[in-house]
Structure formats: C-alpha cells, structure tokens
Amino acid sequence: MSDPYRIKSTLLGVEIMTAWAASQAGNDFMGERLEALKRDLEDPTNDIITALTNLSAYLLQLRHEEQGASFSETLQLIARYVSQQEG
C-alpha cells in the first residue's frame, strides 16, 4: 500500500531539484520557484526537509535496484565526491 503523503512529499522534492537543475543550466528561477512553493506549504521548512529526504531515499533505493549498490556504498561515493569538490 502506498503512502499518499510520502508520494506527494517526494514529488515536491523532485520539483525542488528540477528548479535547482534549471538554475545550474543558467535558468535562474530557482529562488522564485522555491518562494512560490513555500507559500503553498503549511510548514515550509519541515515540508522541504521531508521532501528532499524522501527523494534521497528513493534515489538510494533506485541505485540499489538498478546497479546493486548498497546504501552505504552510495553514501560513501557521495561523500568522496563532495570531499574532492572541497579541495
């Protein structure tokens, strides 16, 4: 049985990251889109955190299913990538 709140929240995460991806490609509407989204949310900070957490969990699950990578392997890969970006 699916959880409608989790699905709605995850789709919000997809929308947030779509705005972020567009901003990385030179379309600078992320701030506008986030402000519009926040106006529609009951508890914007909590809802955005939940949305991005749910999206992250789905991405971990998808990588596990598609490539056989464990959650810890994926998280270690991300940590290495972020560390390399710092230096």
Protein backbone atom coordinates (compact mmCIF):
# COMPACT_ATOMS: atom_id res chain seq x y z
CA MET A 1 0.00 0.00 0.00
CA SER A 2 1.40 3.39 -0.98
CA ASP A 3 1.57 6.37 1.35
CA PRO A 4 -0.07 9.40 -0.33
CA TYR A 5 1.80 11.88 1.91
CA ARG A 6 5.17 10.32 1.07
CA ILE A 7 4.37 10.34 -2.63
CA LYS A 8 3.23 13.99 -2.56
CA SER A 9 6.26 14.96 -0.50
CA THR A 10 8.66 13.14 -2.81
CA LEU A 11 7.15 14.83 -5.85
CA LEU A 12 7.75 18.14 -4.09
CA GLY A 13 11.40 17.09 -3.74
CA VAL A 14 11.53 16.35 -7.46
CA GLU A 15 10.07 19.79 -8.19
CA ILE A 16 12.64 21.48 -5.93
CA MET A 17 15.53 19.62 -7.56
CA THR A 18 14.13 20.36 -11.03
CA ALA A 19 14.28 24.06 -10.16
CA TRP A 20 17.83 23.57 -8.86
CA ALA A 21 18.87 21.74 -12.05
CA ALA A 22 17.43 24.54 -14.17
CA SER A 23 19.37 27.10 -12.14
CA GLN A 24 22.57 25.13 -12.78
CA ALA A 25 21.86 25.30 -16.51
CA GLY A 26 21.61 29.08 -16.42
CA ASN A 27 17.87 29.37 -15.83
CA ASP A 28 17.81 31.43 -12.67
CA PHE A 29 14.27 30.78 -11.49
CA MET A 30 15.05 28.55 -8.51
CA GLY A 31 14.54 31.30 -5.94
CA GLU A 32 11.25 32.34 -7.50
CA ARG A 33 10.02 28.76 -7.68
CA LEU A 34 11.01 27.99 -4.08
CA GLU A 35 9.25 31.11 -2.85
CA ALA A 36 6.11 30.09 -4.74
CA LEU A 37 6.30 26.56 -3.33
CA LYS A 38 6.82 27.83 0.22
CA ARG A 39 3.67 29.97 0.00
CA ASP A 40 1.66 26.82 -0.72
CA LEU A 41 3.13 24.75 2.13
CA GLU A 42 1.72 24.55 5.63
CA ASP A 43 5.16 24.16 7.29
CA PRO A 44 7.68 25.11 4.57
CA THR A 45 10.90 24.24 6.36
CA ASN A 46 9.72 20.85 7.59
CA ASP A 47 7.94 20.05 4.33
CA ILE A 48 11.03 20.84 2.22
CA ILE A 49 13.31 18.81 4.51
CA THR A 50 10.88 15.88 4.36
CA ALA A 51 10.56 16.17 0.58
CA LEU A 52 14.31 16.13 0.00
CA THR A 53 14.79 13.29 2.50
CA ASN A 54 12.13 11.20 0.74
CA LEU A 55 13.67 11.95 -2.65
CA SER A 56 17.11 10.92 -1.35
CA ALA A 57 15.70 7.66 -0.03
CA TYR A 58 14.11 6.88 -3.40
CA LEU A 59 17.38 7.67 -5.18
CA LEU A 60 19.29 5.32 -2.87
CA GLN A 61 16.68 2.61 -3.45
CA LEU A 62 16.76 3.12 -7.20
CA ARG A 63 20.55 2.88 -7.35
CA HIS A 64 20.38 -0.26 -5.24
CA GLU A 65 17.77 -1.85 -7.52
CA GLU A 66 19.34 -0.74 -10.80
CA GLN A 67 23.04 -1.20 -10.03
CA GLY A 68 23.14 -3.44 -6.97
CA ALA A 69 24.94 -0.78 -4.93
CA SER A 70 24.29 -0.84 -1.21
CA PHE A 71 23.06 2.28 0.52
CA SER A 72 26.37 2.64 2.35
CA GLU A 73 28.32 2.31 -0.93
CA THR A 74 26.27 5.07 -2.48
CA LEU A 75 26.64 7.34 0.54
CA GLN A 76 30.41 6.74 0.61
CA LEU A 77 30.59 7.58 -3.09
CA ILE A 78 28.73 10.83 -2.47
CA ALA A 79 30.98 11.68 0.49
CA ARG A 80 34.11 11.09 -1.62
CA TYR A 81 32.73 13.23 -4.42
CA VAL A 82 31.87 16.10 -2.05
CA SER A 83 35.29 15.86 -0.37
CA GLN A 84 37.01 16.10 -3.77
CA GLN A 85 34.96 19.22 -4.58
CA GLU A 86 36.28 20.93 -1.43
CA GLY A 87 39.93 20.66 -2.43
